[in-house]
Amino acid sequence: MNVYLRRLYAKRAELEAKLELHDARYCFGEEEVDDGTDSDLRQRLSEVSDEIAALENRPASRWR
């Protein structure tokens, strides 16, 4: 597997974990959580996911 793609998978997992933690903190009523972090994490997660999808849809011969 492409090293760059592997790094993107790891970054996506990291962003998902941060978003889950942020959502959990919000559910417990921490007001300082509502500072735009949610939308920033979702945007970054979307960008990384789009890049992963683009790489996964490329022919395998172009991954080298």
N, C-alpha and C. Protein backbone atom coordinates (compact mmCIF):
# COMPACT_ATOMS: atom_id res chain seq x y z
N MET A 1 0.84 -1.18 0.00
CA MET A 1 0.00 0.00 0.00
C MET A 1 0.89 1.24 0.00
N ASN A 2 0.43 2.23 -0.66
CA ASN A 2 1.10 3.51 -0.76
C ASN A 2 1.31 4.11 0.65
N VAL A 3 2.53 4.55 0.93
CA VAL A 3 2.86 5.12 2.24
C VAL A 3 2.02 6.37 2.50
N TYR A 4 1.84 7.19 1.49
CA TYR A 4 1.04 8.41 1.65
C TYR A 4 -0.41 8.06 1.99
N LEU A 5 -0.95 7.06 1.32
CA LEU A 5 -2.31 6.62 1.59
C LEU A 5 -2.44 6.09 3.01
N ARG A 6 -1.44 5.36 3.46
CA ARG A 6 -1.44 4.84 4.83
C ARG A 6 -1.44 5.99 5.84
N ARG A 7 -0.68 7.02 5.55
CA ARG A 7 -0.65 8.19 6.43
C ARG A 7 -2.00 8.91 6.45
N LEU A 8 -2.66 8.96 5.29
CA LEU A 8 -3.98 9.58 5.24
C LEU A 8 -4.99 8.79 6.06
N TYR A 9 -4.91 7.45 6.01
CA TYR A 9 -5.80 6.62 6.83
C TYR A 9 -5.57 6.92 8.31
N ALA A 10 -4.32 7.04 8.71
CA ALA A 10 -4.00 7.33 10.10
C ALA A 10 -4.51 8.72 10.49
N LYS A 11 -4.34 9.69 9.60
CA LYS A 11 -4.82 11.04 9.88
C LYS A 11 -6.33 11.07 10.00
N ARG A 12 -7.02 10.33 9.12
CA ARG A 12 -8.48 10.27 9.19
C ARG A 12 -8.93 9.66 10.52
N ALA A 13 -8.27 8.59 10.94
CA ALA A 13 -8.61 7.95 12.22
C ALA A 13 -8.39 8.92 13.37
N GLU A 14 -7.31 9.69 13.31
CA GLU A 14 -7.02 10.68 14.35
C GLU A 14 -8.11 11.76 14.39
N LEU A 15 -8.50 12.26 13.22
CA LEU A 15 -9.54 13.28 13.16
C LEU A 15 -10.88 12.75 13.65
N GLU A 16 -11.19 11.51 13.29
CA GLU A 16 -12.44 10.90 13.76
C GLU A 16 -12.45 10.77 15.28
N ALA A 17 -11.33 10.38 15.85
CA ALA A 17 -11.23 10.25 17.30
C ALA A 17 -11.40 11.61 17.98
N LYS A 18 -10.77 12.63 17.43
CA LYS A 18 -10.91 13.98 17.99
C LYS A 18 -12.35 14.47 17.90
N LEU A 19 -13.01 14.18 16.78
CA LEU A 19 -14.39 14.60 16.61
C LEU A 19 -15.30 13.86 17.60
N GLU A 20 -15.07 12.58 17.80
CA GLU A 20 -15.85 11.82 18.78
C GLU A 20 -15.67 12.38 20.18
N LEU A 21 -14.44 12.71 20.55
CA LEU A 21 -14.18 13.30 21.85
C LEU A 21 -14.86 14.66 21.97
N HIS A 22 -14.78 15.46 20.93
CA HIS A 22 -15.42 16.77 20.94
C HIS A 22 -16.93 16.62 21.11
N ASP A 23 -17.53 15.69 20.37
CA ASP A 23 -18.97 15.46 20.48
C ASP A 23 -19.35 14.99 21.88
N ALA A 24 -18.54 14.13 22.47
CA ALA A 24 -18.82 13.64 23.82
C ALA A 24 -18.74 14.78 24.83
N ARG A 25 -17.74 15.63 24.70
CA ARG A 25 -17.62 16.77 25.61
C ARG A 25 -18.82 17.70 25.46
N TYR A 26 -19.27 17.89 24.25
CA TYR A 26 -20.43 18.75 24.00
C TYR A 26 -21.68 18.16 24.67
N CYS A 27 -21.82 16.84 24.58
CA CYS A 27 -22.99 16.17 25.19
C CYS A 27 -23.01 16.34 26.71
N PHE A 28 -21.84 16.48 27.31
CA PHE A 28 -21.78 16.65 28.76
C PHE A 28 -21.87 18.10 29.19
N GLY A 29 -22.14 19.00 28.23
CA GLY A 29 -22.45 20.37 28.56
C GLY A 29 -21.28 21.31 28.74
N GLU A 30 -20.15 21.01 28.19
CA GLU A 30 -19.01 21.93 28.30
C GLU A 30 -19.19 23.04 27.28
N GLU A 31 -19.48 24.24 27.73
CA GLU A 31 -19.78 25.36 26.84
C GLU A 31 -18.60 25.77 25.96
N GLU A 32 -17.40 25.68 26.48
CA GLU A 32 -16.24 26.12 25.70
C GLU A 32 -15.99 25.25 24.48
N VAL A 33 -16.70 24.14 24.41
CA VAL A 33 -16.54 23.24 23.26
C VAL A 33 -17.15 23.86 22.01
N ASP A 34 -18.13 24.72 22.16
CA ASP A 34 -18.83 25.32 21.02
C ASP A 34 -18.04 26.53 20.50
N ASP A 35 -16.86 26.25 19.97
CA ASP A 35 -15.96 27.32 19.53
C ASP A 35 -15.56 27.21 18.05
N GLY A 36 -16.30 26.41 17.29
CA GLY A 36 -15.98 26.23 15.88
C GLY A 36 -15.12 25.03 15.61
N THR A 37 -14.65 24.37 16.66
CA THR A 37 -13.80 23.20 16.49
C THR A 37 -14.53 22.10 15.74
N ASP A 38 -15.80 21.94 16.04
CA ASP A 38 -16.62 20.90 15.40
C ASP A 38 -16.60 21.05 13.87
N SER A 39 -16.89 22.23 13.38
CA SER A 39 -16.92 22.44 11.93
C SER A 39 -15.53 22.32 11.31
N ASP A 40 -14.51 22.76 12.03
CA ASP A 40 -13.14 22.63 11.54
C ASP A 40 -12.75 21.16 11.40
N LEU A 41 -13.05 20.36 12.42
CA LEU A 41 -12.73 18.94 12.37
C LEU A 41 -13.50 18.25 11.24
N ARG A 42 -14.77 18.58 11.10
CA ARG A 42 -15.58 17.97 10.03
C ARG A 42 -15.04 18.35 8.65
N GLN A 43 -14.63 19.58 8.49
CA GLN A 43 -14.07 20.03 7.21
C GLN A 43 -12.77 19.29 6.90
N ARG A 44 -11.88 19.22 7.87
CA ARG A 44 -10.61 18.52 7.66
C ARG A 44 -10.83 17.04 7.40
N LEU A 45 -11.78 16.44 8.11
CA LEU A 45 -12.10 15.03 7.91
C LEU A 45 -12.64 14.80 6.49
N SER A 46 -13.47 15.69 6.03
CA SER A 46 -14.01 15.60 4.67
C SER A 46 -12.89 15.71 3.62
N GLU A 47 -11.98 16.64 3.82
CA GLU A 47 -10.87 16.82 2.88
C GLU A 47 -9.99 15.58 2.81
N VAL A 48 -9.66 15.02 3.97
CA VAL A 48 -8.81 13.83 4.01
C VAL A 48 -9.54 12.64 3.37
N SER A 49 -10.82 12.51 3.66
CA SER A 49 -11.61 11.42 3.08
C SER A 49 -11.71 11.55 1.56
N ASP A 50 -11.87 12.76 1.07
CA ASP A 50 -11.90 12.99 -0.38
C ASP A 50 -10.57 12.62 -1.03
N GLU A 51 -9.49 12.97 -0.37
CA GLU A 51 -8.17 12.64 -0.91
C GLU A 51 -7.94 11.13 -0.92
N ILE A 52 -8.38 10.46 0.14
CA ILE A 52 -8.28 9.00 0.19
C ILE A 52 -9.08 8.38 -0.94
N ALA A 53 -10.31 8.85 -1.13
CA ALA A 53 -11.16 8.31 -2.20
C ALA A 53 -10.52 8.50 -3.56
N ALA A 54 -9.92 9.66 -3.78
CA ALA A 54 -9.27 9.92 -5.06
C ALA A 54 -8.10 8.96 -5.28
N LEU A 55 -7.32 8.72 -4.24
CA LEU A 55 -6.19 7.81 -4.37
C LEU A 55 -6.65 6.37 -4.54
N GLU A 56 -7.70 5.98 -3.85
CA GLU A 56 -8.20 4.61 -3.96
C GLU A 56 -8.79 4.33 -5.33
N ASN A 57 -9.29 5.35 -5.99
CA ASN A 57 -9.91 5.17 -7.31
C ASN A 57 -8.92 5.25 -8.46
N ARG A 58 -7.67 5.54 -8.14
CA ARG A 58 -6.63 5.57 -9.17
C ARG A 58 -6.24 4.15 -9.53
N PRO A 59 -5.85 3.92 -10.77
CA PRO A 59 -5.34 2.59 -11.13
C PRO A 59 -4.10 2.25 -10.30
N ALA A 60 -3.95 0.99 -9.91
CA ALA A 60 -2.85 0.56 -9.04
C ALA A 60 -1.48 0.89 -9.64
N SER A 61 -1.35 0.88 -10.92
CA SER A 61 -0.05 1.16 -11.55
C SER A 61 0.41 2.59 -11.32
N ARG A 62 -0.50 3.50 -10.99
CA ARG A 62 -0.14 4.90 -10.76
C ARG A 62 0.24 5.17 -9.33
N TRP A 63 0.14 4.18 -8.45
CA TRP A 63 0.47 4.35 -7.03
C TRP A 63 1.95 4.31 -6.77
N ARG A 64 2.71 3.92 -7.71
CA ARG A 64 4.15 3.76 -7.48
C ARG A 64 4.90 5.02 -7.65
